[in-house]
Amino acid sequence: MREKLNETLPKICAYFGQPDFMKVLAELEKYHRNVAKHHREFLETQRIWAKIMEHFTL
C-alpha cells in the first residue's frame, strides 16, 4: 500500500494542485504506529459496552 501511495500521491497532488495530499503518507504511518494501542482501546470499549448492556438486561 505504501508503495502504491508513493507512486500515486504525487500524481494526485499535481492533478489537483494540492501538495497537502502527501500528508496521507504521514497519517498512514501515524496510524500504523498506533495499531496496538487502538486495538487495546477497541477491546476495552467492547468490554465496557458489554457491561452496560448486561446492566440493562437485568
C-alpha atoms as a PDB file:
ATOM      1  CA  MET A   1       0.000   0.000   0.000  1.00  0.00           C
ATOM      2  CA  ARG A   2       2.817   2.393   0.864  1.00  0.00           C
ATOM      3  CA  GLU A   3       4.474   1.675  -2.457  1.00  0.00           C
ATOM      4  CA  LYS A   4       1.261   2.369  -4.365  1.00  0.00           C
ATOM      5  CA  LEU A   5       0.705   5.599  -2.425  1.00  0.00           C
ATOM      6  CA  ASN A   6       4.273   6.697  -3.154  1.00  0.00           C
ATOM      7  CA  GLU A   7       3.506   6.214  -6.841  1.00  0.00           C
ATOM      8  CA  THR A   8       0.066   7.799  -6.979  1.00  0.00           C
ATOM      9  CA  LEU A   9       0.102  10.619  -4.432  1.00  0.00           C
ATOM     10  CA  PRO A  10       2.493  12.854  -6.387  1.00  0.00           C
ATOM     11  CA  LYS A  11       0.227  12.471  -9.407  1.00  0.00           C
ATOM     12  CA  ILE A  12      -2.854  13.306  -7.362  1.00  0.00           C
ATOM     13  CA  CYS A  13      -1.103  16.328  -5.873  1.00  0.00           C
ATOM     14  CA  ALA A  14      -0.126  17.525  -9.346  1.00  0.00           C
ATOM     15  CA  TYR A  15      -3.592  16.928 -10.771  1.00  0.00           C
ATOM     16  CA  PHE A  16      -5.353  18.891  -8.019  1.00  0.00           C
ATOM     17  CA  GLY A  17      -2.537  21.372  -7.480  1.00  0.00           C
ATOM     18  CA  GLN A  18      -2.552  20.478  -3.779  1.00  0.00           C
ATOM     19  CA  PRO A  19       0.666  19.173  -2.224  1.00  0.00           C
ATOM     20  CA  ASP A  20      -1.251  18.538   1.005  1.00  0.00           C
ATOM     21  CA  PHE A  21      -2.380  15.148  -0.307  1.00  0.00           C
ATOM     22  CA  MET A  22       1.136  13.916   0.521  1.00  0.00           C
ATOM     23  CA  LYS A  23       0.138  14.146   4.188  1.00  0.00           C
ATOM     24  CA  VAL A  24      -1.759  10.886   3.675  1.00  0.00           C
ATOM     25  CA  LEU A  25       1.551   9.023   3.977  1.00  0.00           C
ATOM     26  CA  ALA A  26       2.348  10.623   7.330  1.00  0.00           C
ATOM     27  CA  GLU A  27      -1.150   9.842   8.590  1.00  0.00           C
ATOM     28  CA  LEU A  28      -0.793   6.240   7.476  1.00  0.00           C
ATOM     29  CA  GLU A  29       2.495   5.923   9.369  1.00  0.00           C
ATOM     30  CA  LYS A  30       0.977   7.506  12.473  1.00  0.00           C
ATOM     31  CA  TYR A  31      -1.937   5.081  12.316  1.00  0.00           C
ATOM     32  CA  HIS A  32       0.433   2.146  11.785  1.00  0.00           C
ATOM     33  CA  ARG A  33       2.497   3.111  14.857  1.00  0.00           C
ATOM     34  CA  ASN A  34      -0.657   3.164  16.998  1.00  0.00           C
ATOM     35  CA  VAL A  35      -2.407  -0.005  15.807  1.00  0.00           C
ATOM     36  CA  ALA A  36      -1.734  -1.922  19.035  1.00  0.00           C
ATOM     37  CA  LYS A  37      -2.993   0.983  21.157  1.00  0.00           C
ATOM     38  CA  HIS A  38      -6.129   1.370  19.033  1.00  0.00           C
ATOM     39  CA  HIS A  39      -6.794  -2.359  19.282  1.00  0.00           C
ATOM     40  CA  ARG A  40      -6.491  -2.286  23.097  1.00  0.00           C
ATOM     41  CA  GLU A  41      -8.845   0.708  23.246  1.00  0.00           C
ATOM     42  CA  PHE A  42     -11.321  -1.066  20.972  1.00  0.00           C
ATOM     43  CA  LEU A  43     -11.291  -4.186  23.155  1.00  0.00           C
ATOM     44  CA  GLU A  44     -11.770  -2.073  26.284  1.00  0.00           C
ATOM     45  CA  THR A  45     -14.704  -0.280  24.654  1.00  0.00           C
ATOM     46  CA  GLN A  46     -16.256  -3.640  23.787  1.00  0.00           C
ATOM     47  CA  ARG A  47     -15.799  -4.819  27.375  1.00  0.00           C
ATOM     48  CA  ILE A  48     -17.410  -1.688  28.808  1.00  0.00           C
ATOM     49  CA  TRP A  49     -20.258  -1.823  26.288  1.00  0.00           C
ATOM     50  CA  ALA A  50     -20.975  -5.448  27.201  1.00  0.00           C
ATOM     51  CA  LYS A  51     -21.059  -4.449  30.867  1.00  0.00           C
ATOM     52  CA  ILE A  52     -23.523  -1.627  30.128  1.00  0.00           C
ATOM     53  CA  MET A  53     -25.730  -3.921  28.072  1.00  0.00           C
ATOM     54  CA  GLU A  54     -25.663  -6.541  30.841  1.00  0.00           C
ATOM     55  CA  HIS A  55     -26.884  -3.899  33.287  1.00  0.00           C
ATOM     56  CA  PHE A  56     -29.888  -3.080  31.088  1.00  0.00           C
ATOM     57  CA  THR A  57     -30.884  -6.709  30.578  1.00  0.00           C
ATOM     58  CA  LEU A  58     -31.285  -7.415  34.300  1.00  0.00           C
END
